[in-house]
PDB file of N, CA and C in Angstrom:
ATOM      1  N   MET A   1      58.767  98.938 114.828  1.00  0.00           N
ATOM      2  CA  MET A   1      59.507  99.645 115.761  1.00  0.00           C
ATOM      3  C   MET A   1      60.559 100.443 114.936  1.00  0.00           C
ATOM      4  N   LYS A   2      60.868 101.805 115.220  1.00  0.00           N
ATOM      5  CA  LYS A   2      61.689 102.563 114.529  1.00  0.00           C
ATOM      6  C   LYS A   2      62.960 102.427 115.272  1.00  0.00           C
ATOM      7  N   THR A   3      64.233 102.589 114.313  1.00  0.00           N
ATOM      8  CA  THR A   3      65.356 102.486 115.034  1.00  0.00           C
ATOM      9  C   THR A   3      65.861 103.865 115.003  1.00  0.00           C
ATOM     10  N   LYS A   4      66.355 104.027 116.242  1.00  0.00           N
ATOM     11  CA  LYS A   4      67.096 105.560 116.410  1.00  0.00           C
ATOM     12  C   LYS A   4      68.354 105.758 116.009  1.00  0.00           C
ATOM     13  N   LEU A   5      68.685 106.674 115.160  1.00  0.00           N
ATOM     14  CA  LEU A   5      69.891 106.911 114.572  1.00  0.00           C
ATOM     15  C   LEU A   5      70.590 107.878 115.509  1.00  0.00           C
ATOM     16  N   ASP A   6      71.827 107.493 115.514  1.00  0.00           N
ATOM     17  CA  ASP A   6      73.075 108.411 116.473  1.00  0.00           C
ATOM     18  C   ASP A   6      73.518 109.606 115.188  1.00  0.00           C
ATOM     19  N   SER A   7      74.050 110.563 116.066  1.00  0.00           N
ATOM     20  CA  SER A   7      74.302 111.961 115.269  1.00  0.00           C
ATOM     21  C   SER A   7      75.199 111.493 114.163  1.00  0.00           C
ATOM     22  N   PHE A   8      75.967 110.615 113.938  1.00  0.00           N
ATOM     23  CA  PHE A   8      76.831 110.411 113.063  1.00  0.00           C
ATOM     24  C   PHE A   8      76.001 109.852 111.821  1.00  0.00           C
ATOM     25  N   GLU A   9      75.197 108.978 111.876  1.00  0.00           N
ATOM     26  CA  GLU A   9      74.105 108.345 111.174  1.00  0.00           C
ATOM     27  C   GLU A   9      73.029 109.520 110.491  1.00  0.00           C
ATOM     28  N   ARG A  10      72.563 110.315 111.201  1.00  0.00           N
ATOM     29  CA  ARG A  10      71.642 111.426 110.900  1.00  0.00           C
ATOM     30  C   ARG A  10      72.390 112.260 109.974  1.00  0.00           C
ATOM     31  N   GLN A  11      73.842 112.634 110.168  1.00  0.00           N
ATOM     32  CA  GLN A  11      74.688 113.342 109.298  1.00  0.00           C
ATOM     33  C   GLN A  11      74.563 112.705 107.986  1.00  0.00           C
ATOM     34  N   ILE A  12      74.986 111.330 107.946  1.00  0.00           N
ATOM     35  CA  ILE A  12      74.933 110.761 106.698  1.00  0.00           C
ATOM     36  C   ILE A  12      73.569 110.895 106.293  1.00  0.00           C
ATOM     37  N   GLU A  13      72.589 110.778 106.731  1.00  0.00           N
ATOM     38  CA  GLU A  13      71.049 110.913 106.058  1.00  0.00           C
ATOM     39  C   GLU A  13      70.861 112.177 105.611  1.00  0.00           C
ATOM     40  N   LYS A  14      71.378 112.997 106.185  1.00  0.00           N
ATOM     41  CA  LYS A  14      71.049 114.511 105.751  1.00  0.00           C
ATOM     42  C   LYS A  14      71.823 114.788 104.636  1.00  0.00           C
ATOM     43  N   SER A  15      72.940 114.213 104.504  1.00  0.00           N
ATOM     44  CA  SER A  15      73.921 114.579 103.231  1.00  0.00           C
ATOM     45  C   SER A  15      73.830 113.565 102.115  1.00  0.00           C
ATOM     46  N   ALA A  16      73.006 112.621 102.167  1.00  0.00           N
ATOM     47  CA  ALA A  16      72.700 111.540 101.089  1.00  0.00           C
ATOM     48  C   ALA A  16      72.559 112.082  99.846  1.00  0.00           C
ATOM     49  N   GLU A  17      71.622 113.230  99.594  1.00  0.00           N
ATOM     50  CA  GLU A  17      70.990 113.944  98.521  1.00  0.00           C
ATOM     51  C   GLU A  17      72.611 114.655  97.929  1.00  0.00           C
ATOM     52  N   SER A  18      73.420 114.959  98.585  1.00  0.00           N
ATOM     53  CA  SER A  18      74.514 115.322  97.659  1.00  0.00           C
ATOM     54  C   SER A  18      75.479 114.413  97.270  1.00  0.00           C
ATOM     55  N   TYR A  19      75.514 113.114  97.492  1.00  0.00           N
ATOM     56  CA  TYR A  19      76.153 112.387  96.697  1.00  0.00           C
ATOM     57  C   TYR A  19      75.971 112.011  95.550  1.00  0.00           C
ATOM     58  N   ARG A  20      76.971 111.888  94.324  1.00  0.00           N
ATOM     59  CA  ARG A  20      76.723 111.829  93.173  1.00  0.00           C
ATOM     60  C   ARG A  20      76.958 110.289  92.757  1.00  0.00           C
ATOM     61  N   PRO A  21      76.192 109.688  91.843  1.00  0.00           N
ATOM     62  CA  PRO A  21      76.289 108.281  91.443  1.00  0.00           C
ATOM     63  C   PRO A  21      77.846 108.233  90.770  1.00  0.00           C
ATOM     64  N   VAL A  22      78.538 107.259  90.754  1.00  0.00           N
ATOM     65  CA  VAL A  22      79.918 106.940  89.909  1.00  0.00           C
ATOM     66  C   VAL A  22      79.467 105.788  88.984  1.00  0.00           C
ATOM     67  N   SER A  23      80.351 106.015  87.909  1.00  0.00           N
ATOM     68  CA  SER A  23      80.110 104.834  86.669  1.00  0.00           C
ATOM     69  C   SER A  23      80.704 103.551  87.318  1.00  0.00           C
ATOM     70  N   LYS A  24      80.116 102.379  86.598  1.00  0.00           N
ATOM     71  CA  LYS A  24      80.601 101.098  87.052  1.00  0.00           C
ATOM     72  C   LYS A  24      81.842 100.926  86.880  1.00  0.00           C
ATOM     73  N   LYS A  25      82.699 101.553  86.021  1.00  0.00           N
ATOM     74  CA  LYS A  25      84.168 101.433  85.938  1.00  0.00           C
ATOM     75  C   LYS A  25      84.808 102.131  87.131  1.00  0.00           C
ATOM     76  N   GLU A  26      84.135 103.406  87.627  1.00  0.00           N
ATOM     77  CA  GLU A  26      85.133 103.779  88.752  1.00  0.00           C
ATOM     78  C   GLU A  26      84.772 103.284  89.893  1.00  0.00           C
ATOM     79  N   ARG A  27      83.424 102.463  90.204  1.00  0.00           N
ATOM     80  CA  ARG A  27      83.142 101.807  91.287  1.00  0.00           C
ATOM     81  C   ARG A  27      83.968 100.519  91.358  1.00  0.00           C
ATOM     82  N   ARG A  28      84.226  99.781  90.145  1.00  0.00           N
ATOM     83  CA  ARG A  28      84.947  98.729  90.213  1.00  0.00           C
ATOM     84  C   ARG A  28      86.462  98.898  90.755  1.00  0.00           C
ATOM     85  N   LYS A  29      86.772 100.016  90.094  1.00  0.00           N
ATOM     86  CA  LYS A  29      88.293 100.458  90.618  1.00  0.00           C
ATOM     87  C   LYS A  29      88.581 100.811  92.241  1.00  0.00           C
ATOM     88  N   VAL A  30      87.282 101.291  92.522  1.00  0.00           N
ATOM     89  CA  VAL A  30      87.047 101.811  94.258  1.00  0.00           C
ATOM     90  C   VAL A  30      87.497 100.411  94.809  1.00  0.00           C
ATOM     91  N   GLU A  31      86.190  99.592  94.527  1.00  0.00           N
ATOM     92  CA  GLU A  31      86.135  98.287  95.406  1.00  0.00           C
ATOM     93  C   GLU A  31      87.360  97.444  95.110  1.00  0.00           C
ATOM     94  N   THR A  32      88.071  97.366  94.052  1.00  0.00           N
ATOM     95  CA  THR A  32      89.535  96.868  93.803  1.00  0.00           C
ATOM     96  C   THR A  32      90.411  97.179  94.738  1.00  0.00           C
ATOM     97  N   ILE A  33      90.504  98.438  94.881  1.00  0.00           N
ATOM     98  CA  ILE A  33      91.481  99.285  95.711  1.00  0.00           C
ATOM     99  C   ILE A  33      90.922  98.870  97.377  1.00  0.00           C
ATOM    100  N   LEU A  34      89.924  98.808  97.585  1.00  0.00           N
ATOM    101  CA  LEU A  34      89.453  98.683  98.908  1.00  0.00           C
ATOM    102  C   LEU A  34      89.632  97.193  99.356  1.00  0.00           C
ATOM    103  N   ALA A  35      89.436  96.328  98.359  1.00  0.00           N
ATOM    104  CA  ALA A  35      89.678  94.818  98.703  1.00  0.00           C
ATOM    105  C   ALA A  35      90.991  94.503  98.810  1.00  0.00           C
ATOM    106  N   ARG A  36      91.935  95.309  98.035  1.00  0.00           N
ATOM    107  CA  ARG A  36      93.286  94.821  98.210  1.00  0.00           C
ATOM    108  C   ARG A  36      93.936  95.456  99.611  1.00  0.00           C
ATOM    109  N   ALA A  37      93.091  96.655 100.089  1.00  0.00           N
ATOM    110  CA  ALA A  37      93.649  97.268 101.209  1.00  0.00           C
ATOM    111  C   ALA A  37      93.211  96.329 102.311  1.00  0.00           C
ATOM    112  N   ARG A  38      92.134  95.565 102.410  1.00  0.00           N
ATOM    113  CA  ARG A  38      91.762  94.780 103.356  1.00  0.00           C
ATOM    114  C   ARG A  38      92.242  93.641 103.548  1.00  0.00           C
ATOM    115  N   LYS A  39      92.976  93.020 102.507  1.00  0.00           N
ATOM    116  CA  LYS A  39      93.692  91.642 102.542  1.00  0.00           C
ATOM    117  C   LYS A  39      94.911  91.510 103.364  1.00  0.00           C
ATOM    118  N   ASN A  40      94.913  90.654 104.022  1.00  0.00           N
ATOM    119  CA  ASN A  40      96.147  90.504 104.927  1.00  0.00           C
ATOM    120  C   ASN A  40      96.658  89.177 104.754  1.00  0.00           C
ATOM    121  N   ARG A  41      97.809  88.851 104.710  1.00  0.00           N
ATOM    122  CA  ARG A  41      98.639  87.714 104.809  1.00  0.00           C
ATOM    123  C   ARG A  41      99.676  87.562 105.854  1.00  0.00           C
ATOM    124  N   SER A  42      99.697  86.013 106.152  1.00  0.00           N
ATOM    125  CA  SER A  42     100.617  85.830 107.305  1.00  0.00           C
ATOM    126  C   SER A  42     101.817  85.383 106.664  1.00  0.00           C
ATOM    127  N   VAL A  43     102.913  86.009 107.355  1.00  0.00           N
ATOM    128  CA  VAL A  43     104.218  85.481 106.792  1.00  0.00           C
ATOM    129  C   VAL A  43     105.260  85.133 107.832  1.00  0.00           C
ATOM    130  N   ASN A  44     106.013  84.218 107.555  1.00  0.00           N
ATOM    131  CA  ASN A  44     106.923  83.881 108.611  1.00  0.00           C
ATOM    132  C   ASN A  44     108.469  84.329 108.447  1.00  0.00           C
ATOM    133  N   ILE A  45     108.928  85.217 109.221  1.00  0.00           N
ATOM    134  CA  ILE A  45     110.312  85.673 108.908  1.00  0.00           C
ATOM    135  C   ILE A  45     111.240  85.242 110.113  1.00  0.00           C
ATOM    136  N   ARG A  46     112.393  85.340 110.315  1.00  0.00           N
ATOM    137  CA  ARG A  46     113.477  85.201 111.051  1.00  0.00           C
ATOM    138  C   ARG A  46     113.958  86.530 111.536  1.00  0.00           C
ATOM    139  N   ILE A  47     113.856  86.757 112.837  1.00  0.00           N
ATOM    140  CA  ILE A  47     114.455  88.052 113.384  1.00  0.00           C
ATOM    141  C   ILE A  47     115.227  87.722 114.372  1.00  0.00           C
ATOM    142  N   ALA A  48     116.257  88.227 114.463  1.00  0.00           N
ATOM    143  CA  ALA A  48     117.534  88.203 115.623  1.00  0.00           C
ATOM    144  C   ALA A  48     116.562  88.536 116.858  1.00  0.00           C
ATOM    145  N   GLU A  49     116.758  87.495 118.196  1.00  0.00           N
ATOM    146  CA  GLU A  49     116.216  87.585 119.262  1.00  0.00           C
ATOM    147  C   GLU A  49     116.277  88.798 119.798  1.00  0.00           C
ATOM    148  N   ASN A  50     117.393  89.475 119.878  1.00  0.00           N
ATOM    149  CA  ASN A  50     117.571  90.871 120.555  1.00  0.00           C
ATOM    150  C   ASN A  50     116.889  91.796 119.741  1.00  0.00           C
ATOM    151  N   VAL A  51     116.831  91.741 118.635  1.00  0.00           N
ATOM    152  CA  VAL A  51     115.932  92.860 117.647  1.00  0.00           C
ATOM    153  C   VAL A  51     114.240  92.559 117.996  1.00  0.00           C
ATOM    154  N   LEU A  52     113.897  91.434 118.224  1.00  0.00           N
ATOM    155  CA  LEU A  52     112.597  91.340 118.527  1.00  0.00           C
ATOM    156  C   LEU A  52     112.246  91.662 119.851  1.00  0.00           C
ATOM    157  N   GLU A  53     113.051  91.380 120.856  1.00  0.00           N
ATOM    158  CA  GLU A  53     112.988  91.973 122.250  1.00  0.00           C
ATOM    159  C   GLU A  53     112.945  93.381 122.311  1.00  0.00           C
ATOM    160  N   GLU A  54     113.860  94.269 121.326  1.00  0.00           N
ATOM    161  CA  GLU A  54     113.774  95.687 121.295  1.00  0.00           C
ATOM    162  C   GLU A  54     112.284  96.040 120.649  1.00  0.00           C
ATOM    163  N   ILE A  55     111.974  95.371 119.649  1.00  0.00           N
ATOM    164  CA  ILE A  55     110.443  95.905 119.139  1.00  0.00           C
ATOM    165  C   ILE A  55     109.567  95.598 120.159  1.00  0.00           C
ATOM    166  N   LYS A  56     109.638  94.631 120.976  1.00  0.00           N
ATOM    167  CA  LYS A  56     108.420  94.464 121.976  1.00  0.00           C
ATOM    168  C   LYS A  56     108.658  95.380 123.102  1.00  0.00           C
ATOM    169  N   LYS A  57     109.713  95.633 123.524  1.00  0.00           N
ATOM    170  CA  LYS A  57     109.968  96.636 124.402  1.00  0.00           C
ATOM    171  C   LYS A  57     109.390  98.317 124.082  1.00  0.00           C
ATOM    172  N   ARG A  58     109.449  98.420 122.818  1.00  0.00           N
ATOM    173  CA  ARG A  58     109.168  99.565 122.200  1.00  0.00           C
ATOM    174  C   ARG A  58     107.493  99.509 121.746  1.00  0.00           C
ATOM    175  N   SER A  59     106.943  98.518 121.573  1.00  0.00           N
ATOM    176  CA  SER A  59     105.582  98.306 121.530  1.00  0.00           C
ATOM    177  C   SER A  59     105.092  98.707 122.791  1.00  0.00           C
ATOM    178  N   GLN A  60     105.388  98.285 123.867  1.00  0.00           N
ATOM    179  CA  GLN A  60     104.951  98.230 125.197  1.00  0.00           C
ATOM    180  C   GLN A  60     105.183  99.742 125.520  1.00  0.00           C
ATOM    181  N   ARG A  61     105.963 100.439 125.125  1.00  0.00           N
ATOM    182  CA  ARG A  61     106.030 101.946 125.380  1.00  0.00           C
ATOM    183  C   ARG A  61     105.211 102.751 124.326  1.00  0.00           C
ATOM    184  N   GLU A  62     104.852 102.238 123.114  1.00  0.00           N
ATOM    185  CA  GLU A  62     103.897 103.185 122.407  1.00  0.00           C
ATOM    186  C   GLU A  62     102.563 102.522 122.100  1.00  0.00           C
ATOM    187  N   GLY A  63     102.453 101.564 122.850  1.00  0.00           N
ATOM    188  CA  GLY A  63     101.055 101.084 122.593  1.00  0.00           C
ATOM    189  C   GLY A  63     100.471 100.014 121.553  1.00  0.00           C
ATOM    190  N   PRO A  64     100.749  99.804 120.551  1.00  0.00           N
ATOM    191  CA  PRO A  64     100.413  98.811 119.727  1.00  0.00           C
ATOM    192  C   PRO A  64     101.110  97.551 119.972  1.00  0.00           C
ATOM    193  N   PRO A  65     100.528  96.371 119.864  1.00  0.00           N
ATOM    194  CA  PRO A  65     101.044  95.099 119.655  1.00  0.00           C
ATOM    195  C   PRO A  65     102.208  95.115 118.968  1.00  0.00           C
ATOM    196  N   TYR A  66     103.181  94.275 119.253  1.00  0.00           N
ATOM    197  CA  TYR A  66     104.349  94.036 118.576  1.00  0.00           C
ATOM    198  C   TYR A  66     104.398  93.835 117.066  1.00  0.00           C
ATOM    199  N   GLN A  67     103.375  92.903 116.540  1.00  0.00           N
ATOM    200  CA  GLN A  67     103.250  92.362 115.370  1.00  0.00           C
ATOM    201  C   GLN A  67     102.451  93.742 114.333  1.00  0.00           C
ATOM    202  N   THR A  68     101.828  94.389 115.186  1.00  0.00           N
ATOM    203  CA  THR A  68     101.175  95.509 114.639  1.00  0.00           C
ATOM    204  C   THR A  68     102.473  96.845 114.177  1.00  0.00           C
ATOM    205  N   LEU A  69     103.124  97.041 115.065  1.00  0.00           N
ATOM    206  CA  LEU A  69     104.185  97.798 115.105  1.00  0.00           C
ATOM    207  C   LEU A  69     105.001  97.210 113.803  1.00  0.00           C
ATOM    208  N   ILE A  70     105.588  95.837 113.888  1.00  0.00           N
ATOM    209  CA  ILE A  70     106.362  95.477 112.830  1.00  0.00           C
ATOM    210  C   ILE A  70     105.500  95.698 111.524  1.00  0.00           C
ATOM    211  N   SER A  71     104.441  95.282 111.417  1.00  0.00           N
ATOM    212  CA  SER A  71     103.472  95.666 110.282  1.00  0.00           C
ATOM    213  C   SER A  71     103.669  97.249 109.740  1.00  0.00           C
ATOM    214  N   SER A  72     103.586  98.214 110.903  1.00  0.00           N
ATOM    215  CA  SER A  72     103.686  99.509 110.619  1.00  0.00           C
ATOM    216  C   SER A  72     104.839  99.887 109.779  1.00  0.00           C
ATOM    217  N   ILE A  73     106.012  99.337 110.389  1.00  0.00           N
ATOM    218  CA  ILE A  73     107.318  99.700 110.142  1.00  0.00           C
ATOM    219  C   ILE A  73     107.472  99.379 108.729  1.00  0.00           C
ATOM    220  N   LEU A  74     107.077  98.080 108.161  1.00  0.00           N
ATOM    221  CA  LEU A  74     107.076  97.434 106.856  1.00  0.00           C
ATOM    222  C   LEU A  74     106.144  98.514 105.824  1.00  0.00           C
ATOM    223  N   HIS A  75     104.991  98.843 106.427  1.00  0.00           N
ATOM    224  CA  HIS A  75     104.228  99.925 105.529  1.00  0.00           C
ATOM    225  C   HIS A  75     105.065 100.990 105.243  1.00  0.00           C
ATOM    226  N   LYS A  76     105.584 101.584 106.082  1.00  0.00           N
ATOM    227  CA  LYS A  76     106.108 103.112 106.073  1.00  0.00           C
ATOM    228  C   LYS A  76     107.407 102.846 105.457  1.00  0.00           C
ATOM    229  N   TYR A  77     108.134 101.758 105.344  1.00  0.00           N
ATOM    230  CA  TYR A  77     109.304 101.353 104.498  1.00  0.00           C
ATOM    231  C   TYR A  77     108.899 101.286 102.935  1.00  0.00           C
ATOM    232  N   VAL A  78     107.662 100.591 102.718  1.00  0.00           N
ATOM    233  CA  VAL A  78     107.261 100.393 101.389  1.00  0.00           C
ATOM    234  C   VAL A  78     106.756 101.664 100.808  1.00  0.00           C
ATOM    235  N   THR A  79     106.430 102.443 101.537  1.00  0.00           N
ATOM    236  CA  THR A  79     105.697 103.829 101.067  1.00  0.00           C
ATOM    237  C   THR A  79     106.522 104.874 101.064  1.00  0.00           C
ATOM    238  N   ASP A  80     107.998 104.697 101.467  1.00  0.00           N
ATOM    239  CA  ASP A  80     108.703 105.810 101.427  1.00  0.00           C
ATOM    240  C   ASP A  80     108.578 106.525 102.423  1.00  0.00           C
ATOM    241  N   ARG A  81     108.071 106.333 103.663  1.00  0.00           N
ATOM    242  CA  ARG A  81     107.514 107.022 104.728  1.00  0.00           C
ATOM    243  C   ARG A  81     108.429 106.911 106.211  1.00  0.00           C
ATOM    244  N   LEU A  82     109.363 105.919 105.790  1.00  0.00           N
ATOM    245  CA  LEU A  82     110.281 105.404 107.008  1.00  0.00           C
ATOM    246  C   LEU A  82     111.527 106.251 106.932  1.00  0.00           C
ATOM    247  N   VAL A  83     111.670 107.112 107.880  1.00  0.00           N
ATOM    248  CA  VAL A  83     112.887 108.072 107.677  1.00  0.00           C
ATOM    249  C   VAL A  83     113.804 107.551 108.762  1.00  0.00           C
ATOM    250  N   ASP A  84     114.992 108.188 108.532  1.00  0.00           N
ATOM    251  CA  ASP A  84     116.312 107.774 109.045  1.00  0.00           C
ATOM    252  C   ASP A  84     116.925 109.143 110.200  1.00  0.00           C
ATOM    253  N   GLU A  85     116.365 108.977 111.463  1.00  0.00           N
ATOM    254  CA  GLU A  85     116.570 109.993 112.040  1.00  0.00           C
ATOM    255  C   GLU A  85     117.825 110.860 112.140  1.00  0.00           C
ATOM    256  N   ASP A  86     118.962 109.834 111.847  1.00  0.00           N
ATOM    257  CA  ASP A  86     120.162 110.436 112.000  1.00  0.00           C
ATOM    258  C   ASP A  86     120.490 111.315 110.542  1.00  0.00           C
ATOM    259  N   ALA A  87     119.942 110.697 109.497  1.00  0.00           N
ATOM    260  CA  ALA A  87     120.108 111.361 108.206  1.00  0.00           C
ATOM    261  C   ALA A  87     119.403 112.712 108.205  1.00  0.00           C
ATOM    262  N   ILE A  88     118.331 112.792 108.816  1.00  0.00           N
ATOM    263  CA  ILE A  88     117.523 114.095 109.010  1.00  0.00           C
ATOM    264  C   ILE A  88     118.422 115.171 109.648  1.00  0.00           C
ATOM    265  N   CYS A  89     119.027 114.704 110.905  1.00  0.00           N
ATOM    266  CA  CYS A  89     119.523 115.463 111.766  1.00  0.00           C
ATOM    267  C   CYS A  89     121.145 116.102 110.948  1.00  0.00           C
ATOM    268  N   LYS A  90     121.364 115.252 110.316  1.00  0.00           N
ATOM    269  CA  LYS A  90     122.691 115.287 109.583  1.00  0.00           C
ATOM    270  C   LYS A  90     122.312 116.529 108.550  1.00  0.00           C
ATOM    271  N   SER A  91     121.139 116.500 107.802  1.00  0.00           N
ATOM    272  CA  SER A  91     120.786 117.504 106.580  1.00  0.00           C
ATOM    273  C   SER A  91     120.523 118.739 107.322  1.00  0.00           C
ATOM    274  N   LEU A  92     119.697 118.734 108.362  1.00  0.00           N
ATOM    275  CA  LEU A  92     119.519 119.836 109.114  1.00  0.00           C
ATOM    276  C   LEU A  92     120.891 120.676 109.535  1.00  0.00           C
ATOM    277  N   ARG A  93     121.810 120.001 110.118  1.00  0.00           N
ATOM    278  CA  ARG A  93     123.140 120.886 110.333  1.00  0.00           C
ATOM    279  C   ARG A  93     123.635 121.306 109.103  1.00  0.00           C
ATOM    280  N   LEU A  94     123.646 120.466 108.010  1.00  0.00           N
ATOM    281  CA  LEU A  94     124.205 121.122 106.977  1.00  0.00           C
ATOM    282  C   LEU A  94     123.465 122.512 106.411  1.00  0.00           C
ATOM    283  N   LEU A  95     122.225 122.416 106.556  1.00  0.00           N
ATOM    284  CA  LEU A  95     121.255 123.571 106.113  1.00  0.00           C
ATOM    285  C   LEU A  95     121.795 124.783 106.904  1.00  0.00           C
ATOM    286  N   GLN A  96     122.170 124.448 108.228  1.00  0.00           N
ATOM    287  CA  GLN A  96     122.291 125.529 108.758  1.00  0.00           C
ATOM    288  C   GLN A  96     123.709 126.178 108.964  1.00  0.00           C
ATOM    289  N   ARG A  97     124.215 125.675 108.145  1.00  0.00           N
ATOM    290  CA  ARG A  97     125.697 126.361 107.892  1.00  0.00           C
ATOM    291  C   ARG A  97     125.540 127.495 106.914  1.00  0.00           C
TER     292      ARG A  97
END
């Protein structure tokens, strides 16, 4: 019995010849990066009850579960993508002068 491919799988099959092989060293490097990205660790932290309640309210408005929201905030912080809205507004006001 033949398996029927969906459109995404057919697209992959059509473009398979255009892929180029990578060295073992490059492959190990990519696999290491992927393995590190997939690893999750549980941590226990103490958060003020009112802060946790506000995070839960925000998660209900925005959609993701509150633990996912906390993880996202931490990820943005460590990758320097967490922004301070007040600082941005202040900078914009200074630039408009």
